[in-house]
């Protein structure tokens, strides 16, 4: 049977050509606005930085707005893959309400949560972005349009896998080259430290040390390191350890009581090396290419000095 001068076979072929042309000319909505939500840990933030670079390189015309805890915002403000950094409010749903309304009004095209926490997932959902990517399991995984499984700590590879699900293509560049430290912060630290830059070893205080015995072991290790090098202890409360260290060794010690990620980065870049437990500061040091030893048992000072070439 023919219709409009075409045989049935010709009509089928024409329909096929029309569908192929439709595929060729189908254009996805461009990604112009991206929101990212980050976990509260410094280690989690550091792990997400290469993924932000992949987003920037894959969607060069998009505006990337990052939401993180207050102490991490300064670092994101100096990370060139992020156009705007905002504070994620602490507290429950009520504390998030104003931000949720603002996110909904901003109409992003893509939202990504690097955290599985309830608050981050609620903020992600409030964007109503057409593409919403995150990790499972989660209490709110139904909010996601794109998901991959994750258990345990976030790693850079997992963060990259997540952004790949929404079309990002990592190019293998070094993310640390996108991260700058303002000179005024270096100048401020230089004025505070009682010794020259690149003379000291940075030792992050291990906040996981709960018992007095564990803290005493940490103090003994720091005392041993001070036999050879000045020490900057980053984080923690001085009362946890300072009395035992006051007159303990040949070289001075300085306590930088901060939780600010950008200050940690400046200390990392100024230090000769970083010796400490596996935590956010040592992760930041590894990310930045600093000579690092991630463990600090009480009797490991000689091994640390040999490993670090000190």
Foldseek 3Di string as FASTA:
>chain_A
DDDPNHDPVVVVVVVVVVVVVCVVPDDDDAFAEEEEEFDAFLLRVLLQLLQLVLVCVQRVNHAYEYEYAPLAQVQLVQQQSHNYYYYDDDDDPVRCVVVLVVLCVVQGQEYEYSDLDPSSLSSQLSNVHPAYWYEDDHPPCVSHPHYDYDDDGRHNVVSNVGSVRVPGDRPPDQSLVRTDADVVLLVVVCVVDPDAFQQEEEEEDDPPDDDLVSLVQLLLLVLVLQQRTEYEYEADDCVSHVVVVVPRYDHHYHYHHDPRPSNLLSNLVRYNEYEYAPGSSQSSNVSNVGHYDHHGGNPCNVVVCVSSVD
